[in-house]
Amino acid sequence: MTEPATWFPDRGSAVKIDLHVIQKMRADADRRLAAGRQSAVDKATAIIRKSIFEQHAYLDGKGFPEMRGLVYHADDNNLLVIPMRVGKQIVGCQQIDRHGVKKFLYGQRCSGAEYALDGHGIDVWCEGYATGLSIHAVMAAMNIRCHVHICFSAGNMQAMATAAGRGIVIADNDESGTGERAVKVTRLPYYMPSSGDFNDYHKLVGTFTAGMEIRSFMQREANHG
């Protein structure tokens, strides 16, 4: 619409809607959104620069006691920091404390953001950081090169995998069924453990058994293709 419109509710009274007011409100909202996102970029960049590579209790609890990650020492809390990028651009970060509590920066962009492991091989889409680490470790043990896309949420995983239109998805088997519903929308081949996420499965059965399971899954998909 290019002119102010009139809306008539059920009772017949007229309410004037000024298009220019709506446009101004939208522009103000866009400016606040852009400012919040830029603030998150600046904060994430500062946090990453101040972080150091070292072991972290969260990684230990997820089955990677020797692995080092970016750790930010904030007051009395050591936070594992996972940079989040859209393309090559930092848009924010996920911070995980020693108890596994996860937080994003206020105002940051999350849609289309990922943390990638490796940059070659078959594309593998997943939700969580620990899940991505397990996928990468298991695939490496099977000599399967993969590009793991950690998407941080089921909705973002669904959107990114659908847009890419290639690869496989390894979904979380959560009680709510969110992971399964999201992965079916992608129309890509997907694997889902009997319960929990792939990191849970990896810790339960070990690298060899988890790797053989993934290899069998990929062979079945190749045969069906």
C-alpha atoms as a PDB file:
ATOM      1  CA  MET A   1       0.000   0.000   0.000  1.00  0.00           C
ATOM      2  CA  THR A   2       1.179   3.527  -0.760  1.00  0.00           C
ATOM      3  CA  GLU A   3      -1.617   5.483   0.955  1.00  0.00           C
ATOM      4  CA  PRO A   4      -3.078   5.469   4.472  1.00  0.00           C
ATOM      5  CA  ALA A   5      -5.679   2.710   4.806  1.00  0.00           C
ATOM      6  CA  THR A   6      -8.922   2.454   6.759  1.00  0.00           C
ATOM      7  CA  TRP A   7      -9.849  -0.713   8.619  1.00  0.00           C
ATOM      8  CA  PHE A   8     -13.454  -1.312   9.675  1.00  0.00           C
ATOM      9  CA  PRO A   9     -13.841  -3.564  12.717  1.00  0.00           C
ATOM     10  CA  ASP A  10     -17.018  -5.560  13.294  1.00  0.00           C
ATOM     11  CA  ARG A  11     -18.854  -2.704  15.012  1.00  0.00           C
ATOM     12  CA  GLY A  12     -18.396  -0.405  12.074  1.00  0.00           C
ATOM     13  CA  SER A  13     -16.154   2.239  13.655  1.00  0.00           C
ATOM     14  CA  ALA A  14     -13.259   3.406  11.491  1.00  0.00           C
ATOM     15  CA  VAL A  15      -9.648   3.360  12.623  1.00  0.00           C
ATOM     16  CA  LYS A  16      -7.137   5.348  10.587  1.00  0.00           C
ATOM     17  CA  ILE A  17      -3.807   3.610  10.001  1.00  0.00           C
ATOM     18  CA  ASP A  18      -1.093   6.032   8.937  1.00  0.00           C
ATOM     19  CA  LEU A  19       1.379   4.269   6.656  1.00  0.00           C
ATOM     20  CA  HIS A  20       4.098   6.791   7.465  1.00  0.00           C
ATOM     21  CA  VAL A  21       3.824   6.059  11.180  1.00  0.00           C
ATOM     22  CA  ILE A  22       4.112   2.335  10.492  1.00  0.00           C
ATOM     23  CA  GLN A  23       7.135   2.891   8.268  1.00  0.00           C
ATOM     24  CA  LYS A  24       8.820   4.984  10.975  1.00  0.00           C
ATOM     25  CA  MET A  25       8.129   2.326  13.601  1.00  0.00           C
ATOM     26  CA  ARG A  26       9.572  -0.331  11.317  1.00  0.00           C
ATOM     27  CA  ALA A  27      12.666   1.772  10.600  1.00  0.00           C
ATOM     28  CA  ASP A  28      13.198   2.365  14.334  1.00  0.00           C
ATOM     29  CA  ALA A  29      12.886  -1.370  15.013  1.00  0.00           C
ATOM     30  CA  ASP A  30      15.373  -2.138  12.226  1.00  0.00           C
ATOM     31  CA  ARG A  31      17.860   0.350  13.688  1.00  0.00           C
ATOM     32  CA  ARG A  32      17.548  -1.182  17.161  1.00  0.00           C
ATOM     33  CA  LEU A  33      18.009  -4.656  15.693  1.00  0.00           C
ATOM     34  CA  ALA A  34      21.106  -3.593  13.747  1.00  0.00           C
ATOM     35  CA  ALA A  35      22.569  -1.839  16.799  1.00  0.00           C
ATOM     36  CA  GLY A  36      21.986  -4.906  18.973  1.00  0.00           C
ATOM     37  CA  ARG A  37      23.602  -7.190  16.443  1.00  0.00           C
ATOM     38  CA  GLN A  38      26.632  -4.926  16.067  1.00  0.00           C
ATOM     39  CA  SER A  39      27.016  -4.729  19.839  1.00  0.00           C
ATOM     40  CA  ALA A  40      26.986  -8.537  19.975  1.00  0.00           C
ATOM     41  CA  VAL A  41      29.607  -8.736  17.219  1.00  0.00           C
ATOM     42  CA  ASP A  42      31.856  -6.333  19.121  1.00  0.00           C
ATOM     43  CA  LYS A  43      31.420  -8.202  22.394  1.00  0.00           C
ATOM     44  CA  ALA A  44      31.965 -11.624  20.797  1.00  0.00           C
ATOM     45  CA  THR A  45      35.124 -10.387  19.089  1.00  0.00           C
ATOM     46  CA  ALA A  46      36.470  -9.056  22.390  1.00  0.00           C
ATOM     47  CA  ILE A  47      35.623 -12.292  24.239  1.00  0.00           C
ATOM     48  CA  ILE A  48      37.298 -14.445  21.592  1.00  0.00           C
ATOM     49  CA  ARG A  49      40.428 -12.295  21.640  1.00  0.00           C
ATOM     50  CA  LYS A  50      40.682 -12.596  25.424  1.00  0.00           C
ATOM     51  CA  SER A  51      40.077 -16.350  25.439  1.00  0.00           C
ATOM     52  CA  ILE A  52      42.851 -18.926  25.619  1.00  0.00           C
ATOM     53  CA  PHE A  53      43.080 -22.529  24.427  1.00  0.00           C
ATOM     54  CA  GLU A  54      42.856 -24.896  27.353  1.00  0.00           C
ATOM     55  CA  GLN A  55      40.947 -27.877  28.706  1.00  0.00           C
ATOM     56  CA  HIS A  56      37.466 -27.343  30.094  1.00  0.00           C
ATOM     57  CA  ALA A  57      35.180 -29.316  32.399  1.00  0.00           C
ATOM     58  CA  TYR A  58      32.378 -29.339  29.814  1.00  0.00           C
ATOM     59  CA  LEU A  59      34.590 -31.041  27.245  1.00  0.00           C
ATOM     60  CA  ASP A  60      35.729 -33.533  29.869  1.00  0.00           C
ATOM     61  CA  GLY A  61      32.119 -34.377  30.696  1.00  0.00           C
ATOM     62  CA  LYS A  62      31.323 -34.884  27.008  1.00  0.00           C
ATOM     63  CA  GLY A  63      34.086 -37.446  26.559  1.00  0.00           C
ATOM     64  CA  PHE A  64      36.903 -35.190  25.338  1.00  0.00           C
ATOM     65  CA  PRO A  65      39.148 -34.768  28.410  1.00  0.00           C
ATOM     66  CA  GLU A  66      42.285 -33.990  26.403  1.00  0.00           C
ATOM     67  CA  MET A  67      40.671 -31.576  23.978  1.00  0.00           C
ATOM     68  CA  ARG A  68      41.401 -27.884  24.262  1.00  0.00           C
ATOM     69  CA  GLY A  69      38.912 -25.186  23.425  1.00  0.00           C
ATOM     70  CA  LEU A  70      38.598 -21.425  23.644  1.00  0.00           C
ATOM     71  CA  VAL A  71      38.057 -20.588  27.308  1.00  0.00           C
ATOM     72  CA  TYR A  72      37.094 -17.158  28.592  1.00  0.00           C
ATOM     73  CA  HIS A  73      37.842 -16.399  32.232  1.00  0.00           C
ATOM     74  CA  ALA A  74      34.918 -14.286  33.369  1.00  0.00           C
ATOM     75  CA  ASP A  75      35.024 -13.388  37.060  1.00  0.00           C
ATOM     76  CA  ASP A  76      34.841 -16.708  38.915  1.00  0.00           C
ATOM     77  CA  ASN A  77      33.515 -18.684  35.956  1.00  0.00           C
ATOM     78  CA  ASN A  78      35.500 -20.242  33.124  1.00  0.00           C
ATOM     79  CA  LEU A  79      33.367 -20.299  29.986  1.00  0.00           C
ATOM     80  CA  LEU A  80      33.919 -22.449  26.918  1.00  0.00           C
ATOM     81  CA  VAL A  81      33.445 -20.143  23.930  1.00  0.00           C
ATOM     82  CA  ILE A  82      32.199 -21.340  20.546  1.00  0.00           C
ATOM     83  CA  PRO A  83      32.407 -18.650  17.854  1.00  0.00           C
ATOM     84  CA  MET A  84      29.344 -18.335  15.628  1.00  0.00           C
ATOM     85  CA  ARG A  85      29.751 -17.221  12.040  1.00  0.00           C
ATOM     86  CA  VAL A  86      27.617 -16.434   9.040  1.00  0.00           C
ATOM     87  CA  GLY A  87      30.000 -17.140   6.210  1.00  0.00           C
ATOM     88  CA  LYS A  88      33.324 -15.858   7.501  1.00  0.00           C
ATOM     89  CA  GLN A  89      31.787 -13.096   9.625  1.00  0.00           C
ATOM     90  CA  ILE A  90      31.600 -13.439  13.404  1.00  0.00           C
ATOM     91  CA  VAL A  91      28.039 -12.680  14.533  1.00  0.00           C
ATOM     92  CA  GLY A  92      28.247 -13.844  18.146  1.00  0.00           C
ATOM     93  CA  CYS A  93      29.228 -16.779  20.288  1.00  0.00           C
ATOM     94  CA  GLN A  94      27.826 -19.491  22.495  1.00  0.00           C
ATOM     95  CA  GLN A  95      29.210 -19.655  26.029  1.00  0.00           C
ATOM     96  CA  ILE A  96      29.031 -22.867  28.069  1.00  0.00           C
ATOM     97  CA  ASP A  97      29.884 -23.065  31.747  1.00  0.00           C
ATOM     98  CA  ARG A  98      31.336 -26.078  33.571  1.00  0.00           C
ATOM     99  CA  HIS A  99      27.819 -27.345  34.331  1.00  0.00           C
ATOM    100  CA  GLY A 100      26.735 -27.266  30.691  1.00  0.00           C
ATOM    101  CA  VAL A 101      24.572 -24.143  30.942  1.00  0.00           C
ATOM    102  CA  LYS A 102      24.572 -22.480  27.517  1.00  0.00           C
ATOM    103  CA  LYS A 103      24.043 -18.819  26.719  1.00  0.00           C
ATOM    104  CA  PHE A 104      24.166 -16.571  23.667  1.00  0.00           C
ATOM    105  CA  LEU A 105      24.985 -12.879  23.638  1.00  0.00           C
ATOM    106  CA  TYR A 106      22.069 -10.490  23.947  1.00  0.00           C
ATOM    107  CA  GLY A 107      20.976  -9.162  20.555  1.00  0.00           C
ATOM    108  CA  GLN A 108      23.167 -11.450  18.476  1.00  0.00           C
ATOM    109  CA  ARG A 109      22.110 -13.011  15.208  1.00  0.00           C
ATOM    110  CA  CYS A 110      21.551 -16.776  15.451  1.00  0.00           C
ATOM    111  CA  SER A 111      19.710 -17.540  12.204  1.00  0.00           C
ATOM    112  CA  GLY A 112      22.137 -18.815   9.576  1.00  0.00           C
ATOM    113  CA  ALA A 113      24.983 -18.939  12.112  1.00  0.00           C
ATOM    114  CA  GLU A 114      27.180 -21.982  12.572  1.00  0.00           C
ATOM    115  CA  TYR A 115      30.440 -23.338  13.903  1.00  0.00           C
ATOM    116  CA  ALA A 116      32.123 -25.542  11.305  1.00  0.00           C
ATOM    117  CA  LEU A 117      34.560 -28.404  11.789  1.00  0.00           C
ATOM    118  CA  ASP A 118      36.817 -29.141   8.815  1.00  0.00           C
ATOM    119  CA  GLY A 119      35.946 -27.711   5.445  1.00  0.00           C
ATOM    120  CA  HIS A 120      35.967 -30.701   3.139  1.00  0.00           C
ATOM    121  CA  GLY A 121      34.084 -33.910   2.558  1.00  0.00           C
ATOM    122  CA  ILE A 122      30.433 -34.730   3.030  1.00  0.00           C
ATOM    123  CA  ASP A 123      28.331 -32.045   4.694  1.00  0.00           C
ATOM    124  CA  VAL A 124      26.905 -33.146   8.038  1.00  0.00           C
ATOM    125  CA  TRP A 125      24.331 -30.960   9.801  1.00  0.00           C
ATOM    126  CA  CYS A 126      23.671 -31.157  13.537  1.00  0.00           C
ATOM    127  CA  GLU A 127      22.463 -29.083  16.471  1.00  0.00           C
ATOM    128  CA  GLY A 128      24.935 -29.047  19.362  1.00  0.00           C
ATOM    129  CA  TYR A 129      28.640 -28.492  19.817  1.00  0.00           C
ATOM    130  CA  ALA A 130      29.316 -31.773  21.649  1.00  0.00           C
ATOM    131  CA  THR A 131      27.294 -33.624  19.015  1.00  0.00           C
ATOM    132  CA  GLY A 132      29.453 -32.068  16.313  1.00  0.00           C
ATOM    133  CA  LEU A 133      32.646 -33.079  18.118  1.00  0.00           C
ATOM    134  CA  SER A 134      31.445 -36.677  18.352  1.00  0.00           C
ATOM    135  CA  ILE A 135      30.438 -36.774  14.695  1.00  0.00           C
ATOM    136  CA  HIS A 136      33.828 -35.443  13.624  1.00  0.00           C
ATOM    137  CA  ALA A 137      35.736 -37.879  15.874  1.00  0.00           C
ATOM    138  CA  VAL A 138      33.717 -40.894  14.747  1.00  0.00           C
ATOM    139  CA  MET A 139      33.945 -40.004  11.062  1.00  0.00           C
ATOM    140  CA  ALA A 140      37.698 -39.469  11.359  1.00  0.00           C
ATOM    141  CA  ALA A 141      38.075 -42.894  12.946  1.00  0.00           C
ATOM    142  CA  MET A 142      36.250 -44.376   9.940  1.00  0.00           C
ATOM    143  CA  ASN A 143      38.447 -42.389   7.524  1.00  0.00           C
ATOM    144  CA  ILE A 144      35.423 -40.468   6.285  1.00  0.00           C
ATOM    145  CA  ARG A 145      36.162 -36.812   5.568  1.00  0.00           C
ATOM    146  CA  CYS A 146      33.287 -34.581   6.621  1.00  0.00           C
ATOM    147  CA  HIS A 147      32.379 -30.921   6.939  1.00  0.00           C
ATOM    148  CA  VAL A 148      30.409 -30.687  10.182  1.00  0.00           C
ATOM    149  CA  HIS A 149      27.980 -27.765  10.492  1.00  0.00           C
ATOM    150  CA  ILE A 150      27.037 -27.120  14.134  1.00  0.00           C
ATOM    151  CA  CYS A 151      23.844 -25.049  13.950  1.00  0.00           C
ATOM    152  CA  PHE A 152      23.014 -24.592  17.682  1.00  0.00           C
ATOM    153  CA  SER A 153      19.267 -25.269  17.379  1.00  0.00           C
ATOM    154  CA  ALA A 154      16.867 -27.583  15.596  1.00  0.00           C
ATOM    155  CA  GLY A 155      15.198 -24.700  13.775  1.00  0.00           C
ATOM    156  CA  ASN A 156      18.459 -23.275  12.498  1.00  0.00           C
ATOM    157  CA  MET A 157      19.702 -26.736  11.514  1.00  0.00           C
ATOM    158  CA  GLN A 158      16.483 -27.285   9.570  1.00  0.00           C
ATOM    159  CA  ALA A 159      16.771 -23.953   7.754  1.00  0.00           C
ATOM    160  CA  MET A 160      20.464 -24.256   6.905  1.00  0.00           C
ATOM    161  CA  ALA A 161      20.344 -27.884   5.772  1.00  0.00           C
ATOM    162  CA  THR A 162      17.222 -27.228   3.695  1.00  0.00           C
ATOM    163  CA  ALA A 163      18.807 -24.206   2.028  1.00  0.00           C
ATOM    164  CA  ALA A 164      22.005 -26.140   1.266  1.00  0.00           C
ATOM    165  CA  GLY A 165      20.101 -29.141  -0.072  1.00  0.00           C
ATOM    166  CA  ARG A 166      23.044 -31.509   0.314  1.00  0.00           C
ATOM    167  CA  GLY A 167      24.702 -33.814   2.818  1.00  0.00           C
ATOM    168  CA  ILE A 168      23.220 -35.734   5.735  1.00  0.00           C
ATOM    169  CA  VAL A 169      21.664 -34.689   9.015  1.00  0.00           C
ATOM    170  CA  ILE A 170      22.354 -36.257  12.395  1.00  0.00           C
ATOM    171  CA  ALA A 171      19.399 -35.347  14.575  1.00  0.00           C
ATOM    172  CA  ASP A 172      18.787 -35.328  18.307  1.00  0.00           C
ATOM    173  CA  ASN A 173      16.256 -37.867  19.522  1.00  0.00           C
ATOM    174  CA  ASP A 174      14.633 -35.672  22.164  1.00  0.00           C
ATOM    175  CA  GLU A 175      11.428 -36.467  24.037  1.00  0.00           C
ATOM    176  CA  SER A 176       9.587 -33.577  22.418  1.00  0.00           C
ATOM    177  CA  GLY A 177      10.283 -34.901  18.924  1.00  0.00           C
ATOM    178  CA  THR A 178      11.631 -31.506  17.858  1.00  0.00           C
ATOM    179  CA  GLY A 179      14.775 -32.920  16.265  1.00  0.00           C
ATOM    180  CA  GLU A 180      12.915 -35.511  14.211  1.00  0.00           C
ATOM    181  CA  ARG A 181      10.307 -33.030  13.000  1.00  0.00           C
ATOM    182  CA  ALA A 182      13.019 -30.565  11.975  1.00  0.00           C
ATOM    183  CA  VAL A 183      15.110 -33.109  10.120  1.00  0.00           C
ATOM    184  CA  LYS A 184      12.169 -34.488   8.133  1.00  0.00           C
ATOM    185  CA  VAL A 185      11.518 -31.021   6.713  1.00  0.00           C
ATOM    186  CA  THR A 186      15.003 -30.959   5.168  1.00  0.00           C
ATOM    187  CA  ARG A 187      14.238 -34.002   2.973  1.00  0.00           C
ATOM    188  CA  LEU A 188      17.871 -35.025   3.407  1.00  0.00           C
ATOM    189  CA  PRO A 189      19.043 -38.456   4.576  1.00  0.00           C
ATOM    190  CA  TYR A 190      19.178 -38.465   8.358  1.00  0.00           C
ATOM    191  CA  TYR A 191      20.394 -40.584  11.228  1.00  0.00           C
ATOM    192  CA  MET A 192      18.996 -40.397  14.737  1.00  0.00           C
ATOM    193  CA  PRO A 193      20.197 -42.430  17.743  1.00  0.00           C
ATOM    194  CA  SER A 194      17.722 -44.492  19.745  1.00  0.00           C
ATOM    195  CA  SER A 195      17.660 -41.799  22.434  1.00  0.00           C
ATOM    196  CA  GLY A 196      19.423 -38.548  23.254  1.00  0.00           C
ATOM    197  CA  ASP A 197      21.917 -36.958  20.896  1.00  0.00           C
ATOM    198  CA  PHE A 198      24.864 -38.456  19.032  1.00  0.00           C
ATOM    199  CA  ASN A 199      27.291 -37.443  21.765  1.00  0.00           C
ATOM    200  CA  ASP A 200      25.244 -39.460  24.271  1.00  0.00           C
ATOM    201  CA  TYR A 201      25.368 -42.433  21.900  1.00  0.00           C
ATOM    202  CA  HIS A 202      29.096 -41.996  21.262  1.00  0.00           C
ATOM    203  CA  LYS A 203      29.875 -41.980  24.989  1.00  0.00           C
ATOM    204  CA  LEU A 204      27.644 -45.018  25.555  1.00  0.00           C
ATOM    205  CA  VAL A 205      28.962 -47.352  22.843  1.00  0.00           C
ATOM    206  CA  GLY A 206      32.405 -45.952  22.013  1.00  0.00           C
ATOM    207  CA  THR A 207      34.003 -44.670  18.821  1.00  0.00           C
ATOM    208  CA  PHE A 208      34.256 -47.984  16.972  1.00  0.00           C
ATOM    209  CA  THR A 209      30.630 -49.058  17.414  1.00  0.00           C
ATOM    210  CA  ALA A 210      29.303 -45.550  16.715  1.00  0.00           C
ATOM    211  CA  GLY A 211      31.497 -45.380  13.626  1.00  0.00           C
ATOM    212  CA  MET A 212      30.279 -48.710  12.290  1.00  0.00           C
ATOM    213  CA  GLU A 213      26.692 -47.548  12.822  1.00  0.00           C
ATOM    214  CA  ILE A 214      27.292 -44.381  10.826  1.00  0.00           C
ATOM    215  CA  ARG A 215      29.131 -46.291   8.101  1.00  0.00           C
ATOM    216  CA  SER A 216      26.191 -48.724   7.789  1.00  0.00           C
ATOM    217  CA  PHE A 217      23.749 -45.829   7.646  1.00  0.00           C
ATOM    218  CA  MET A 218      25.732 -44.129   4.864  1.00  0.00           C
ATOM    219  CA  GLN A 219      26.013 -47.378   2.901  1.00  0.00           C
ATOM    220  CA  ARG A 220      22.259 -47.913   3.132  1.00  0.00           C
ATOM    221  CA  GLU A 221      21.620 -44.394   1.886  1.00  0.00           C
ATOM    222  CA  ALA A 222      24.096 -44.867  -0.970  1.00  0.00           C
ATOM    223  CA  ASN A 223      22.340 -48.077  -2.005  1.00  0.00           C
ATOM    224  CA  HIS A 224      18.942 -46.406  -1.892  1.00  0.00           C
ATOM    225  CA  GLY A 225      20.269 -43.511  -3.946  1.00  0.00           C
END
